[in-house]
């Protein structure tokens, strides 16, 4: 699935906070981030977790399933990301049969909306 022409979430986002993890954990290996591409794919990185996303789009939200690795263990789950009026993004992120978190992200300066 491709993103609609008016999708406002395409680009790279910096994850700046989470309700269950502190900033030191989020940036453990590299700066925590979420990348949303227009071709139905993306990626998320925080802590020791890196995962690929399969996306479904609306104008101001995306829904996704994800699969990747956390400390070399295979992990998977689902989530969504929604744009707020202040330009920030709220990400609901869930591990399959595990933790659920709410993350906040801001657009990186090198990304532009579609």
Protein backbone atom coordinates (compact mmCIF):
# COMPACT_ATOMS: atom_id res chain seq x y z
CA UNK A 1 0.00 0.00 0.00
CA UNK A 2 1.22 3.49 -0.85
CA UNK A 3 0.61 6.56 1.27
CA UNK A 4 -2.15 8.94 0.17
CA UNK A 5 -0.94 12.21 -1.36
CA UNK A 6 -2.07 14.19 1.70
CA UNK A 7 -0.36 11.98 4.33
CA UNK A 8 1.39 14.24 6.86
CA UNK A 9 3.49 11.57 8.59
CA UNK A 10 5.98 10.60 5.88
CA UNK A 11 9.53 11.22 7.07
CA UNK A 12 11.87 10.63 9.98
CA UNK A 13 10.72 11.26 13.53
CA UNK A 14 12.83 11.48 16.70
CA UNK A 15 11.31 9.59 19.64
CA UNK A 16 11.76 11.90 22.63
CA UNK A 17 9.83 10.23 25.45
CA UNK A 18 7.92 7.13 26.52
CA UNK A 19 5.54 6.39 29.35
CA UNK A 20 7.37 3.23 30.54
CA UNK A 21 11.01 3.84 29.55
CA UNK A 22 13.34 6.73 30.35
CA UNK A 23 15.33 8.71 27.77
CA UNK A 24 18.58 6.87 28.58
CA UNK A 25 16.92 3.57 27.65
CA UNK A 26 15.30 4.97 24.50
CA UNK A 27 18.72 6.14 23.20
CA UNK A 28 20.66 3.11 24.49
CA UNK A 29 22.21 2.03 21.16
CA UNK A 30 21.43 5.00 18.91
CA UNK A 31 19.01 7.94 18.93
CA UNK A 32 15.46 6.56 19.11
CA UNK A 33 13.59 7.14 15.87
CA UNK A 34 10.67 6.18 13.65
CA UNK A 35 10.84 6.39 9.86
CA UNK A 36 7.64 6.34 7.80
CA UNK A 37 8.06 5.82 4.07
CA UNK A 38 5.45 6.34 1.35
CA UNK A 39 5.84 2.78 0.00
CA UNK A 40 4.08 0.94 2.86
CA UNK A 41 7.23 0.34 4.88
CA UNK A 42 9.14 1.97 7.70
CA UNK A 43 11.36 1.24 10.66
CA UNK A 44 11.58 1.95 14.36
CA UNK A 45 14.59 1.92 16.65
CA UNK A 46 14.80 2.46 20.39
CA UNK A 47 16.65 0.82 23.27
CA UNK A 48 18.21 -2.36 21.89
CA UNK A 49 15.25 -2.92 19.54
CA UNK A 50 15.23 -2.46 15.77
CA UNK A 51 12.23 -3.42 13.66
CA UNK A 52 10.73 -3.09 10.20
CA UNK A 53 7.17 -1.78 9.83
CA UNK A 54 4.37 -2.68 7.43
CA UNK A 55 2.10 0.38 7.22
CA UNK A 56 -1.48 1.37 6.46
CA UNK A 57 -2.12 5.11 6.08
CA UNK A 58 -4.63 7.85 6.64
CA UNK A 59 -4.03 11.60 6.38
CA UNK A 60 -2.89 12.07 9.98
CA UNK A 61 -2.33 8.51 11.27
CA UNK A 62 -0.64 5.25 10.37
CA UNK A 63 -1.31 1.74 11.61
CA UNK A 64 1.40 -0.88 11.53
CA UNK A 65 2.59 -4.35 12.32
CA UNK A 66 6.27 -4.76 13.04
CA UNK A 67 8.94 -7.44 13.35
CA UNK A 68 12.56 -7.19 14.38
CA UNK A 69 15.08 -7.91 17.10
CA UNK A 70 15.47 -6.79 20.72
CA UNK A 71 18.77 -7.80 22.31
CA UNK A 72 19.14 -10.40 19.52
CA UNK A 73 15.74 -12.00 20.30
CA UNK A 74 13.07 -11.99 17.58
CA UNK A 75 10.14 -9.76 18.52
CA UNK A 76 6.96 -8.61 16.81
CA UNK A 77 3.86 -6.60 17.49
CA UNK A 78 1.59 -3.83 16.30
CA UNK A 79 0.93 -0.18 16.80
CA UNK A 80 -0.23 3.14 15.47
CA UNK A 81 1.01 6.69 15.21
CA UNK A 82 -1.14 9.81 15.16
CA UNK A 83 -0.25 13.41 14.41
CA UNK A 84 -1.23 15.96 17.07
CA UNK A 85 -2.22 19.59 16.46
CA UNK A 86 1.13 20.79 17.89
CA UNK A 87 3.03 18.85 15.19
CA UNK A 88 4.19 16.07 17.52
CA UNK A 89 3.33 12.42 17.02
CA UNK A 90 1.92 9.96 19.56
CA UNK A 91 2.90 6.34 18.95
CA UNK A 92 1.05 3.45 20.57
CA UNK A 93 3.48 0.55 20.47
CA UNK A 94 2.80 -3.04 21.59
CA UNK A 95 4.95 -6.15 21.74
CA UNK A 96 3.00 -9.32 20.91
CA UNK A 97 1.91 -10.73 24.31
CA UNK A 98 4.15 -8.20 26.09
CA UNK A 99 4.73 -4.56 26.98
CA UNK A 100 2.62 -1.74 25.63
CA UNK A 101 3.95 1.80 25.53
CA UNK A 102 2.99 5.29 24.44
CA UNK A 103 5.85 7.16 22.79
CA UNK A 104 6.10 10.81 21.78
CA UNK A 105 8.05 11.85 18.67
CA UNK A 106 8.92 15.08 16.90
CA UNK A 107 9.81 15.51 13.25
CA UNK A 108 13.53 15.69 12.53
CA UNK A 109 14.62 18.84 10.75
CA UNK A 110 15.65 16.95 7.60
CA UNK A 111 12.15 15.50 7.01
CA UNK A 112 9.26 17.13 5.20
CA UNK A 113 5.60 16.24 5.15
CA UNK A 114 4.10 14.91 1.94
